[in-house]
C-alpha atoms as a PDB file:
ATOM      1  CA  UNK A   1     -55.518  -3.687 -38.533  1.00  0.00           C
ATOM      2  CA  UNK A   2     -56.007  -3.171 -34.906  1.00  0.00           C
ATOM      3  CA  UNK A   3     -58.920  -4.719 -34.194  1.00  0.00           C
ATOM      4  CA  UNK A   4     -61.341  -3.646 -31.439  1.00  0.00           C
ATOM      5  CA  UNK A   5     -60.477  -5.824 -28.471  1.00  0.00           C
ATOM      6  CA  UNK A   6     -63.864  -7.789 -26.469  1.00  0.00           C
ATOM      7  CA  UNK A   7     -64.336  -6.304 -23.240  1.00  0.00           C
ATOM      8  CA  UNK A   8     -63.101  -7.998 -20.088  1.00  0.00           C
ATOM      9  CA  UNK A   9     -65.403  -7.630 -17.007  1.00  0.00           C
ATOM     10  CA  UNK A  10     -63.479  -6.494 -14.035  1.00  0.00           C
ATOM     11  CA  UNK A  11     -64.437  -7.839 -10.819  1.00  0.00           C
ATOM     12  CA  UNK A  12     -66.772  -5.578  -9.091  1.00  0.00           C
ATOM     13  CA  UNK A  13     -65.730  -7.017  -5.745  1.00  0.00           C
ATOM     14  CA  UNK A  14     -61.922  -6.271  -6.134  1.00  0.00           C
ATOM     15  CA  UNK A  15     -60.466  -3.945  -3.482  1.00  0.00           C
ATOM     16  CA  UNK A  16     -60.426   0.077  -3.807  1.00  0.00           C
ATOM     17  CA  UNK A  17     -57.086   1.650  -3.040  1.00  0.00           C
ATOM     18  CA  UNK A  18     -58.200   2.414   1.097  1.00  0.00           C
ATOM     19  CA  UNK A  19     -59.000  -1.529   1.473  1.00  0.00           C
ATOM     20  CA  UNK A  20     -55.873  -2.440  -0.222  1.00  0.00           C
ATOM     21  CA  UNK A  21     -53.501  -0.466   1.440  1.00  0.00           C
ATOM     22  CA  UNK A  22     -55.136  -1.595   5.086  1.00  0.00           C
ATOM     23  CA  UNK A  23     -54.717  -5.214   4.130  1.00  0.00           C
ATOM     24  CA  UNK A  24     -51.419  -4.751   2.972  1.00  0.00           C
ATOM     25  CA  UNK A  25     -50.222  -2.889   6.130  1.00  0.00           C
ATOM     26  CA  UNK A  26     -51.855  -5.736   8.686  1.00  0.00           C
ATOM     27  CA  UNK A  27     -48.995  -7.881   6.751  1.00  0.00           C
ATOM     28  CA  UNK A  28     -46.676  -5.788   7.506  1.00  0.00           C
ATOM     29  CA  UNK A  29     -47.494  -5.463  10.887  1.00  0.00           C
ATOM     30  CA  UNK A  30     -47.146  -9.173  11.183  1.00  0.00           C
ATOM     31  CA  UNK A  31     -43.890  -9.881   9.380  1.00  0.00           C
ATOM     32  CA  UNK A  32     -41.743  -6.869   8.659  1.00  0.00           C
ATOM     33  CA  UNK A  33     -39.865  -6.400  11.988  1.00  0.00           C
ATOM     34  CA  UNK A  34     -39.163 -10.578  12.467  1.00  0.00           C
ATOM     35  CA  UNK A  35     -37.669 -10.530   8.924  1.00  0.00           C
ATOM     36  CA  UNK A  36     -35.633  -7.273   9.103  1.00  0.00           C
ATOM     37  CA  UNK A  37     -34.372  -8.796  12.929  1.00  0.00           C
ATOM     38  CA  UNK A  38     -32.723 -11.655  10.695  1.00  0.00           C
ATOM     39  CA  UNK A  39     -31.277  -9.380   8.373  1.00  0.00           C
ATOM     40  CA  UNK A  40     -29.788  -6.737  11.060  1.00  0.00           C
ATOM     41  CA  UNK A  41     -28.558 -10.230  12.613  1.00  0.00           C
ATOM     42  CA  UNK A  42     -26.862 -10.982   9.769  1.00  0.00           C
ATOM     43  CA  UNK A  43     -25.089  -8.006   8.798  1.00  0.00           C
ATOM     44  CA  UNK A  44     -24.011  -7.426  12.540  1.00  0.00           C
ATOM     45  CA  UNK A  45     -22.648 -10.619  13.310  1.00  0.00           C
ATOM     46  CA  UNK A  46     -22.370 -12.505  10.100  1.00  0.00           C
ATOM     47  CA  UNK A  47     -25.102 -15.135  11.445  1.00  0.00           C
ATOM     48  CA  UNK A  48     -28.830 -16.341  11.573  1.00  0.00           C
ATOM     49  CA  UNK A  49     -30.539 -18.167  14.451  1.00  0.00           C
ATOM     50  CA  UNK A  50     -32.305 -20.830  13.508  1.00  0.00           C
ATOM     51  CA  UNK A  51     -34.800 -23.635  15.203  1.00  0.00           C
ATOM     52  CA  UNK A  52     -33.489 -27.024  14.556  1.00  0.00           C
ATOM     53  CA  UNK A  53     -36.842 -29.329  13.794  1.00  0.00           C
ATOM     54  CA  UNK A  54     -35.294 -32.328  15.374  1.00  0.00           C
ATOM     55  CA  UNK A  55     -33.902 -30.482  18.808  1.00  0.00           C
ATOM     56  CA  UNK A  56     -36.554 -27.601  19.253  1.00  0.00           C
ATOM     57  CA  UNK A  57     -33.581 -25.469  19.819  1.00  0.00           C
ATOM     58  CA  UNK A  58     -31.962 -22.607  18.318  1.00  0.00           C
ATOM     59  CA  UNK A  59     -28.743 -23.297  16.496  1.00  0.00           C
ATOM     60  CA  UNK A  60     -26.466 -20.664  15.248  1.00  0.00           C
ATOM     61  CA  UNK A  61     -25.980 -20.816  11.402  1.00  0.00           C
ATOM     62  CA  UNK A  62     -22.577 -19.543   9.939  1.00  0.00           C
ATOM     63  CA  UNK A  63     -22.912 -18.268   6.310  1.00  0.00           C
ATOM     64  CA  UNK A  64     -26.817 -18.080   5.676  1.00  0.00           C
ATOM     65  CA  UNK A  65     -27.262 -16.786   2.291  1.00  0.00           C
ATOM     66  CA  UNK A  66     -27.840 -19.846   0.092  1.00  0.00           C
ATOM     67  CA  UNK A  67     -30.424 -21.518   2.684  1.00  0.00           C
ATOM     68  CA  UNK A  68     -31.684 -18.818   5.427  1.00  0.00           C
ATOM     69  CA  UNK A  69     -31.955 -15.731   3.644  1.00  0.00           C
ATOM     70  CA  UNK A  70     -34.091 -15.921   0.932  1.00  0.00           C
ATOM     71  CA  UNK A  71     -37.408 -15.661   2.758  1.00  0.00           C
ATOM     72  CA  UNK A  72     -36.330 -12.476   4.716  1.00  0.00           C
ATOM     73  CA  UNK A  73     -35.199 -10.760   1.636  1.00  0.00           C
ATOM     74  CA  UNK A  74     -38.210 -11.374  -0.379  1.00  0.00           C
ATOM     75  CA  UNK A  75     -40.449 -10.395   2.538  1.00  0.00           C
ATOM     76  CA  UNK A  76     -38.619  -7.175   3.128  1.00  0.00           C
ATOM     77  CA  UNK A  77     -38.708  -6.559  -0.423  1.00  0.00           C
ATOM     78  CA  UNK A  78     -42.662  -6.577   0.094  1.00  0.00           C
ATOM     79  CA  UNK A  79     -42.758  -4.716   2.646  1.00  0.00           C
ATOM     80  CA  UNK A  80     -40.750  -2.142   0.919  1.00  0.00           C
ATOM     81  CA  UNK A  81     -43.242  -1.938  -1.685  1.00  0.00           C
ATOM     82  CA  UNK A  82     -46.233  -1.775   0.873  1.00  0.00           C
ATOM     83  CA  UNK A  83     -44.509   1.471   2.519  1.00  0.00           C
ATOM     84  CA  UNK A  84     -44.140   2.564  -0.826  1.00  0.00           C
ATOM     85  CA  UNK A  85     -47.609   2.344  -2.095  1.00  0.00           C
ATOM     86  CA  UNK A  86     -48.644   4.110   1.288  1.00  0.00           C
ATOM     87  CA  UNK A  87     -46.277   6.961   0.737  1.00  0.00           C
ATOM     88  CA  UNK A  88     -47.689   7.595  -3.059  1.00  0.00           C
ATOM     89  CA  UNK A  89     -50.977   7.652  -1.608  1.00  0.00           C
ATOM     90  CA  UNK A  90     -50.500  10.287   0.727  1.00  0.00           C
ATOM     91  CA  UNK A  91     -48.748  12.439  -2.084  1.00  0.00           C
ATOM     92  CA  UNK A  92     -44.848  11.802  -1.173  1.00  0.00           C
ATOM     93  CA  UNK A  93     -42.446  10.782  -3.384  1.00  0.00           C
ATOM     94  CA  UNK A  94     -41.885   6.651  -3.525  1.00  0.00           C
ATOM     95  CA  UNK A  95     -39.181   6.229  -6.049  1.00  0.00           C
ATOM     96  CA  UNK A  96     -35.794   5.358  -3.517  1.00  0.00           C
ATOM     97  CA  UNK A  97     -37.870   3.158  -1.574  1.00  0.00           C
ATOM     98  CA  UNK A  98     -39.674   0.962  -4.235  1.00  0.00           C
ATOM     99  CA  UNK A  99     -36.084   0.848  -6.504  1.00  0.00           C
ATOM    100  CA  UNK A 100     -34.811  -0.324  -2.629  1.00  0.00           C
ATOM    101  CA  UNK A 101     -37.126  -2.969  -2.637  1.00  0.00           C
ATOM    102  CA  UNK A 102     -36.698  -3.946  -6.036  1.00  0.00           C
ATOM    103  CA  UNK A 103     -33.124  -4.691  -5.175  1.00  0.00           C
ATOM    104  CA  UNK A 104     -33.909  -6.897  -2.145  1.00  0.00           C
ATOM    105  CA  UNK A 105     -35.697  -8.931  -4.230  1.00  0.00           C
ATOM    106  CA  UNK A 106     -33.084  -9.162  -6.994  1.00  0.00           C
ATOM    107  CA  UNK A 107     -30.859 -10.609  -4.117  1.00  0.00           C
ATOM    108  CA  UNK A 108     -33.093 -13.121  -3.135  1.00  0.00           C
ATOM    109  CA  UNK A 109     -33.839 -14.180  -7.024  1.00  0.00           C
ATOM    110  CA  UNK A 110     -30.041 -14.896  -7.568  1.00  0.00           C
ATOM    111  CA  UNK A 111     -29.727 -16.819  -4.542  1.00  0.00           C
ATOM    112  CA  UNK A 112     -32.372 -18.872  -5.557  1.00  0.00           C
ATOM    113  CA  UNK A 113     -30.961 -19.444  -8.965  1.00  0.00           C
ATOM    114  CA  UNK A 114     -27.469 -20.039  -7.224  1.00  0.00           C
ATOM    115  CA  UNK A 115     -29.515 -23.214  -5.127  1.00  0.00           C
ATOM    116  CA  UNK A 116     -30.872 -24.836  -8.175  1.00  0.00           C
ATOM    117  CA  UNK A 117     -27.803 -24.138 -10.288  1.00  0.00           C
ATOM    118  CA  UNK A 118     -25.673 -26.155  -7.907  1.00  0.00           C
ATOM    119  CA  UNK A 119     -28.773 -28.798  -6.969  1.00  0.00           C
ATOM    120  CA  UNK A 120     -28.435 -31.297  -9.412  1.00  0.00           C
ATOM    121  CA  UNK A 121     -24.569 -31.642  -9.244  1.00  0.00           C
ATOM    122  CA  UNK A 122     -25.507 -32.491  -5.743  1.00  0.00           C
ATOM    123  CA  UNK A 123     -28.577 -34.937  -5.906  1.00  0.00           C
ATOM    124  CA  UNK A 124     -28.679 -36.046  -9.359  1.00  0.00           C
ATOM    125  CA  UNK A 125     -31.843 -33.687 -10.663  1.00  0.00           C
ATOM    126  CA  UNK A 126     -33.091 -30.109 -10.747  1.00  0.00           C
ATOM    127  CA  UNK A 127     -34.710 -28.778  -7.469  1.00  0.00           C
ATOM    128  CA  UNK A 128     -37.455 -26.970  -9.373  1.00  0.00           C
ATOM    129  CA  UNK A 129     -38.081 -24.497  -6.675  1.00  0.00           C
ATOM    130  CA  UNK A 130     -38.027 -20.806  -8.442  1.00  0.00           C
ATOM    131  CA  UNK A 131     -40.379 -18.680  -8.417  1.00  0.00           C
ATOM    132  CA  UNK A 132     -41.753 -17.392 -11.782  1.00  0.00           C
ATOM    133  CA  UNK A 133     -43.286 -14.652  -9.617  1.00  0.00           C
ATOM    134  CA  UNK A 134     -39.963 -12.820  -9.761  1.00  0.00           C
ATOM    135  CA  UNK A 135     -40.977 -11.441 -13.199  1.00  0.00           C
ATOM    136  CA  UNK A 136     -43.425  -9.505 -11.766  1.00  0.00           C
ATOM    137  CA  UNK A 137     -40.825  -7.184  -9.970  1.00  0.00           C
ATOM    138  CA  UNK A 138     -39.166  -6.245 -13.475  1.00  0.00           C
ATOM    139  CA  UNK A 139     -42.599  -4.322 -13.776  1.00  0.00           C
ATOM    140  CA  UNK A 140     -41.620  -2.763 -10.215  1.00  0.00           C
ATOM    141  CA  UNK A 141     -38.284  -1.820 -11.404  1.00  0.00           C
ATOM    142  CA  UNK A 142     -39.360  -0.186 -14.892  1.00  0.00           C
ATOM    143  CA  UNK A 143     -41.810   2.039 -13.091  1.00  0.00           C
ATOM    144  CA  UNK A 144     -39.028   3.448 -10.896  1.00  0.00           C
ATOM    145  CA  UNK A 145     -36.523   3.945 -13.690  1.00  0.00           C
ATOM    146  CA  UNK A 146     -34.308   1.260 -12.505  1.00  0.00           C
ATOM    147  CA  UNK A 147     -33.678   0.193 -16.031  1.00  0.00           C
ATOM    148  CA  UNK A 148     -30.227  -1.280 -15.233  1.00  0.00           C
ATOM    149  CA  UNK A 149     -31.418  -3.750 -13.069  1.00  0.00           C
ATOM    150  CA  UNK A 150     -34.369  -4.787 -15.533  1.00  0.00           C
ATOM    151  CA  UNK A 151     -31.496  -5.185 -18.007  1.00  0.00           C
ATOM    152  CA  UNK A 152     -29.314  -7.614 -16.086  1.00  0.00           C
ATOM    153  CA  UNK A 153     -32.421  -9.318 -14.206  1.00  0.00           C
ATOM    154  CA  UNK A 154     -34.528 -10.517 -16.775  1.00  0.00           C
ATOM    155  CA  UNK A 155     -32.061 -12.322 -18.774  1.00  0.00           C
ATOM    156  CA  UNK A 156     -31.678 -14.726 -15.427  1.00  0.00           C
ATOM    157  CA  UNK A 157     -35.403 -15.086 -15.079  1.00  0.00           C
ATOM    158  CA  UNK A 158     -35.758 -16.521 -18.317  1.00  0.00           C
ATOM    159  CA  UNK A 159     -32.730 -18.488 -18.251  1.00  0.00           C
ATOM    160  CA  UNK A 160     -34.556 -20.000 -15.399  1.00  0.00           C
ATOM    161  CA  UNK A 161     -37.411 -20.901 -17.563  1.00  0.00           C
ATOM    162  CA  UNK A 162     -35.039 -22.231 -20.028  1.00  0.00           C
ATOM    163  CA  UNK A 163     -33.359 -24.402 -17.441  1.00  0.00           C
ATOM    164  CA  UNK A 164     -36.242 -25.961 -15.926  1.00  0.00           C
ATOM    165  CA  UNK A 165     -35.926 -24.303 -12.359  1.00  0.00           C
ATOM    166  CA  UNK A 166     -39.165 -22.954 -12.098  1.00  0.00           C
ATOM    167  CA  UNK A 167     -41.886 -24.183  -9.701  1.00  0.00           C
ATOM    168  CA  UNK A 168     -45.199 -25.088 -11.149  1.00  0.00           C
ATOM    169  CA  UNK A 169     -44.042 -23.616 -14.436  1.00  0.00           C
ATOM    170  CA  UNK A 170     -47.282 -23.981 -16.206  1.00  0.00           C
ATOM    171  CA  UNK A 171     -49.064 -21.467 -14.001  1.00  0.00           C
ATOM    172  CA  UNK A 172     -48.837 -18.024 -13.871  1.00  0.00           C
ATOM    173  CA  UNK A 173     -49.303 -17.281 -17.555  1.00  0.00           C
ATOM    174  CA  UNK A 174     -49.255 -13.322 -17.337  1.00  0.00           C
ATOM    175  CA  UNK A 175     -45.819 -13.876 -15.411  1.00  0.00           C
ATOM    176  CA  UNK A 176     -44.520 -15.576 -17.849  1.00  0.00           C
ATOM    177  CA  UNK A 177     -46.022 -12.690 -20.320  1.00  0.00           C
ATOM    178  CA  UNK A 178     -44.170 -10.099 -18.638  1.00  0.00           C
ATOM    179  CA  UNK A 179     -40.835 -11.941 -19.793  1.00  0.00           C
ATOM    180  CA  UNK A 180     -42.458 -12.941 -23.288  1.00  0.00           C
ATOM    181  CA  UNK A 181     -42.236  -9.282 -23.800  1.00  0.00           C
ATOM    182  CA  UNK A 182     -39.016  -8.507 -22.537  1.00  0.00           C
ATOM    183  CA  UNK A 183     -37.850 -11.160 -24.720  1.00  0.00           C
ATOM    184  CA  UNK A 184     -39.824  -9.871 -27.737  1.00  0.00           C
ATOM    185  CA  UNK A 185     -38.858  -6.176 -27.322  1.00  0.00           C
ATOM    186  CA  UNK A 186     -34.938  -7.175 -27.446  1.00  0.00           C
ATOM    187  CA  UNK A 187     -35.714 -10.183 -30.404  1.00  0.00           C
ATOM    188  CA  UNK A 188     -34.940 -13.382 -27.973  1.00  0.00           C
ATOM    189  CA  UNK A 189     -36.754 -16.616 -28.118  1.00  0.00           C
ATOM    190  CA  UNK A 190     -38.837 -17.513 -25.110  1.00  0.00           C
ATOM    191  CA  UNK A 191     -39.024 -21.146 -24.134  1.00  0.00           C
ATOM    192  CA  UNK A 192     -42.788 -22.796 -24.144  1.00  0.00           C
ATOM    193  CA  UNK A 193     -43.440 -24.708 -20.969  1.00  0.00           C
ATOM    194  CA  UNK A 194     -47.352 -24.941 -21.996  1.00  0.00           C
ATOM    195  CA  UNK A 195     -48.125 -21.395 -19.703  1.00  0.00           C
ATOM    196  CA  UNK A 196     -51.950 -20.350 -19.835  1.00  0.00           C
ATOM    197  CA  UNK A 197     -52.018 -18.016 -22.716  1.00  0.00           C
ATOM    198  CA  UNK A 198     -54.712 -14.970 -22.716  1.00  0.00           C
ATOM    199  CA  UNK A 199     -56.312 -13.711 -25.897  1.00  0.00           C
ATOM    200  CA  UNK A 200     -56.234 -10.184 -24.673  1.00  0.00           C
ATOM    201  CA  UNK A 201     -52.510 -10.605 -23.574  1.00  0.00           C
ATOM    202  CA  UNK A 202     -51.551 -11.691 -26.424  1.00  0.00           C
ATOM    203  CA  UNK A 203     -52.789  -9.076 -28.915  1.00  0.00           C
ATOM    204  CA  UNK A 204     -51.188  -6.707 -26.818  1.00  0.00           C
ATOM    205  CA  UNK A 205     -47.796  -8.404 -27.077  1.00  0.00           C
ATOM    206  CA  UNK A 206     -48.261  -8.941 -30.867  1.00  0.00           C
ATOM    207  CA  UNK A 207     -48.802  -4.795 -30.808  1.00  0.00           C
ATOM    208  CA  UNK A 208     -46.385  -3.930 -28.289  1.00  0.00           C
ATOM    209  CA  UNK A 209     -44.623  -1.731 -30.582  1.00  0.00           C
ATOM    210  CA  UNK A 210     -47.295  -0.327 -32.331  1.00  0.00           C
ATOM    211  CA  UNK A 211     -47.673   3.517 -33.602  1.00  0.00           C
ATOM    212  CA  UNK A 212     -51.437   3.824 -32.984  1.00  0.00           C
ATOM    213  CA  UNK A 213     -51.729   4.666 -29.362  1.00  0.00           C
ATOM    214  CA  UNK A 214     -55.604   4.992 -29.580  1.00  0.00           C
ATOM    215  CA  UNK A 215     -55.831   1.473 -30.306  1.00  0.00           C
ATOM    216  CA  UNK A 216     -53.008   0.163 -27.833  1.00  0.00           C
ATOM    217  CA  UNK A 217     -54.512   2.470 -25.204  1.00  0.00           C
ATOM    218  CA  UNK A 218     -58.069   0.222 -25.775  1.00  0.00           C
ATOM    219  CA  UNK A 219     -56.446  -3.159 -25.577  1.00  0.00           C
ATOM    220  CA  UNK A 220     -54.204  -2.614 -22.424  1.00  0.00           C
ATOM    221  CA  UNK A 221     -57.667  -1.122 -20.463  1.00  0.00           C
ATOM    222  CA  UNK A 222     -59.303  -4.345 -21.002  1.00  0.00           C
ATOM    223  CA  UNK A 223     -55.285  -6.023 -20.106  1.00  0.00           C
ATOM    224  CA  UNK A 224     -55.835  -3.920 -16.603  1.00  0.00           C
ATOM    225  CA  UNK A 225     -59.185  -5.647 -16.384  1.00  0.00           C
ATOM    226  CA  UNK A 226     -57.584  -9.034 -16.834  1.00  0.00           C
ATOM    227  CA  UNK A 227     -54.885  -8.133 -14.026  1.00  0.00           C
ATOM    228  CA  UNK A 228     -57.727  -7.305 -11.834  1.00  0.00           C
ATOM    229  CA  UNK A 229     -59.246 -10.943 -12.262  1.00  0.00           C
ATOM    230  CA  UNK A 230     -56.217 -12.585 -12.096  1.00  0.00           C
ATOM    231  CA  UNK A 231     -55.224 -10.889  -8.885  1.00  0.00           C
ATOM    232  CA  UNK A 232     -58.015 -12.954  -7.167  1.00  0.00           C
ATOM    233  CA  UNK A 233     -59.067 -15.548  -9.201  1.00  0.00           C
ATOM    234  CA  UNK A 234     -59.519 -19.251  -7.570  1.00  0.00           C
ATOM    235  CA  UNK A 235     -57.797 -20.694 -10.498  1.00  0.00           C
ATOM    236  CA  UNK A 236     -54.759 -18.543 -11.362  1.00  0.00           C
ATOM    237  CA  UNK A 237     -53.664 -16.117  -8.808  1.00  0.00           C
ATOM    238  CA  UNK A 238     -50.645 -14.187 -11.111  1.00  0.00           C
ATOM    239  CA  UNK A 239     -51.075 -10.977  -9.679  1.00  0.00           C
ATOM    240  CA  UNK A 240     -51.636 -11.805  -6.169  1.00  0.00           C
ATOM    241  CA  UNK A 241     -49.382 -10.773  -3.486  1.00  0.00           C
ATOM    242  CA  UNK A 242     -47.585  -7.806  -4.379  1.00  0.00           C
ATOM    243  CA  UNK A 243     -48.936  -6.925  -7.456  1.00  0.00           C
ATOM    244  CA  UNK A 244     -52.384  -7.098  -7.199  1.00  0.00           C
ATOM    245  CA  UNK A 245     -52.645  -3.287  -7.284  1.00  0.00           C
ATOM    246  CA  UNK A 246     -49.590  -2.936  -9.193  1.00  0.00           C
ATOM    247  CA  UNK A 247     -50.296  -2.939 -13.121  1.00  0.00           C
ATOM    248  CA  UNK A 248     -46.852  -4.114 -13.465  1.00  0.00           C
ATOM    249  CA  UNK A 249     -47.321  -5.744 -17.328  1.00  0.00           C
ATOM    250  CA  UNK A 250     -48.534  -2.198 -18.449  1.00  0.00           C
ATOM    251  CA  UNK A 251     -45.786  -0.338 -16.582  1.00  0.00           C
ATOM    252  CA  UNK A 252     -42.988  -2.765 -18.088  1.00  0.00           C
ATOM    253  CA  UNK A 253     -44.406  -2.473 -21.594  1.00  0.00           C
ATOM    254  CA  UNK A 254     -44.557   1.159 -21.346  1.00  0.00           C
ATOM    255  CA  UNK A 255     -40.755   1.282 -20.221  1.00  0.00           C
ATOM    256  CA  UNK A 256     -40.048  -0.778 -23.172  1.00  0.00           C
ATOM    257  CA  UNK A 257     -41.985   1.378 -25.787  1.00  0.00           C
ATOM    258  CA  UNK A 258     -40.084   4.724 -24.104  1.00  0.00           C
ATOM    259  CA  UNK A 259     -36.784   3.213 -24.563  1.00  0.00           C
ATOM    260  CA  UNK A 260     -37.713   2.341 -28.023  1.00  0.00           C
ATOM    261  CA  UNK A 261     -38.189   5.865 -28.368  1.00  0.00           C
ATOM    262  CA  UNK A 262     -42.005   5.304 -28.857  1.00  0.00           C
ATOM    263  CA  UNK A 263     -44.700   7.441 -27.705  1.00  0.00           C
ATOM    264  CA  UNK A 264     -47.132   5.986 -25.057  1.00  0.00           C
ATOM    265  CA  UNK A 265     -50.720   5.389 -25.269  1.00  0.00           C
ATOM    266  CA  UNK A 266     -52.954   6.848 -22.471  1.00  0.00           C
ATOM    267  CA  UNK A 267     -54.750   4.095 -20.106  1.00  0.00           C
ATOM    268  CA  UNK A 268     -58.198   5.127 -19.047  1.00  0.00           C
ATOM    269  CA  UNK A 269     -58.544   2.237 -15.910  1.00  0.00           C
ATOM    270  CA  UNK A 270     -58.886   2.716 -12.589  1.00  0.00           C
ATOM    271  CA  UNK A 271     -55.446   0.507 -11.597  1.00  0.00           C
ATOM    272  CA  UNK A 272     -53.371   3.169 -13.531  1.00  0.00           C
ATOM    273  CA  UNK A 273     -55.085   6.061 -11.833  1.00  0.00           C
ATOM    274  CA  UNK A 274     -53.163   4.779  -8.467  1.00  0.00           C
ATOM    275  CA  UNK A 275     -50.083   7.416  -7.428  1.00  0.00           C
ATOM    276  CA  UNK A 276     -47.532   4.757  -7.722  1.00  0.00           C
ATOM    277  CA  UNK A 277     -48.484   3.371 -11.569  1.00  0.00           C
ATOM    278  CA  UNK A 278     -46.289   5.680 -13.250  1.00  0.00           C
ATOM    279  CA  UNK A 279     -43.029   5.642 -14.887  1.00  0.00           C
ATOM    280  CA  UNK A 280     -40.610   7.540 -12.485  1.00  0.00           C
ATOM    281  CA  UNK A 281     -37.772   9.602 -14.631  1.00  0.00           C
ATOM    282  CA  UNK A 282     -34.584   6.848 -14.793  1.00  0.00           C
ATOM    283  CA  UNK A 283     -32.409   6.523 -12.003  1.00  0.00           C
ATOM    284  CA  UNK A 284     -29.892   3.873 -10.818  1.00  0.00           C
ATOM    285  CA  UNK A 285     -31.380   1.858  -7.647  1.00  0.00           C
ATOM    286  CA  UNK A 286     -29.402   2.357  -4.508  1.00  0.00           C
ATOM    287  CA  UNK A 287     -29.751  -0.073  -1.726  1.00  0.00           C
ATOM    288  CA  UNK A 288     -30.796   1.349   1.826  1.00  0.00           C
ATOM    289  CA  UNK A 289     -28.421   1.486   4.692  1.00  0.00           C
ATOM    290  CA  UNK A 290     -29.781  -2.094   5.441  1.00  0.00           C
ATOM    291  CA  UNK A 291     -29.361  -3.870   2.418  1.00  0.00           C
ATOM    292  CA  UNK A 292     -25.951  -2.041   1.961  1.00  0.00           C
ATOM    293  CA  UNK A 293     -24.755  -3.918   4.988  1.00  0.00           C
ATOM    294  CA  UNK A 294     -25.562  -7.174   3.633  1.00  0.00           C
ATOM    295  CA  UNK A 295     -23.974  -6.667   0.343  1.00  0.00           C
ATOM    296  CA  UNK A 296     -20.989  -5.996   2.386  1.00  0.00           C
ATOM    297  CA  UNK A 297     -21.360  -8.796   4.825  1.00  0.00           C
ATOM    298  CA  UNK A 298     -21.764 -11.196   1.838  1.00  0.00           C
ATOM    299  CA  UNK A 299     -18.596  -9.843   0.152  1.00  0.00           C
ATOM    300  CA  UNK A 300     -16.541 -10.058   3.274  1.00  0.00           C
ATOM    301  CA  UNK A 301     -17.911 -13.218   4.437  1.00  0.00           C
ATOM    302  CA  UNK A 302     -18.560 -15.309   1.344  1.00  0.00           C
ATOM    303  CA  UNK A 303     -16.921 -13.270  -0.996  1.00  0.00           C
ATOM    304  CA  UNK A 304     -20.235 -12.986  -3.126  1.00  0.00           C
ATOM    305  CA  UNK A 305     -21.111  -9.997  -4.732  1.00  0.00           C
ATOM    306  CA  UNK A 306     -24.155  -9.018  -6.837  1.00  0.00           C
ATOM    307  CA  UNK A 307     -21.982  -8.500 -10.217  1.00  0.00           C
ATOM    308  CA  UNK A 308     -20.163 -11.974  -9.387  1.00  0.00           C
ATOM    309  CA  UNK A 309     -23.400 -13.911  -9.415  1.00  0.00           C
ATOM    310  CA  UNK A 310     -24.372 -12.500 -12.431  1.00  0.00           C
ATOM    311  CA  UNK A 311     -21.387 -13.483 -14.101  1.00  0.00           C
ATOM    312  CA  UNK A 312     -21.288 -16.775 -12.225  1.00  0.00           C
ATOM    313  CA  UNK A 313     -24.844 -18.330 -13.107  1.00  0.00           C
ATOM    314  CA  UNK A 314     -25.297 -16.514 -16.628  1.00  0.00           C
ATOM    315  CA  UNK A 315     -21.471 -17.274 -17.492  1.00  0.00           C
ATOM    316  CA  UNK A 316     -20.762 -13.633 -18.661  1.00  0.00           C
END
């Protein structure tokens, strides 16, 4: 029996769409061009410039993928989400742009896992700096129809948790929840690292595949309220930064239900009324021109490909 959910009061000061887009545009103005220039230089030359902390002088770094491209890739991914949500707000279709942003973050995630996997052999301990926040990107990928990315990336993120690679593994309980949801849908176990749990989210996890759409819809409204609180909470900020106004957990759930052939509920909540809070038609994600150049450079200089990294890291 599906009992009615208890109500979670959303923060009244949670920014609306105009304020959100304005704040994100300011961030993009500060960071976008510098990060793209690093990636563009890498595509053109195969190296990046690095300011040595010892000499204060610029040095040229060859084969920089493992240690110098993580931040530029992630920040370019975030910039893609900002541009995509801005396009959606003006009535234009951001599906391809958002899908490309997902691929930037996927490559950054693979880079991080590669570094984590090699660290113990060199230093005798785990590095433990992998970000659980990558789980939120599964919701973006699911939203834009890049289900093939979800299928290959989710096992990597679960493996990162299982191997103890996570930084601050016991925070951001809803990011873990996204991976637990994916595991639940695929009849897989998920490791328990004592991350926070929320009653509303736990109930939704139990009933993710229910046929009672009215009941699930009511619970998802409260899950959306929880999302708003976790986007600006001082204690936990599961959905700060890229996902404060992107209901990634709900979108992943709706896509998984769609894939299972289950009718989806209506979710009557302001965050679900944003023009990017939807499921686009299933469509393979394609890299933009810059990311395609990064793929080519990686393969030419270091013999690295996305498929090869997955085979190496997951021993497929």
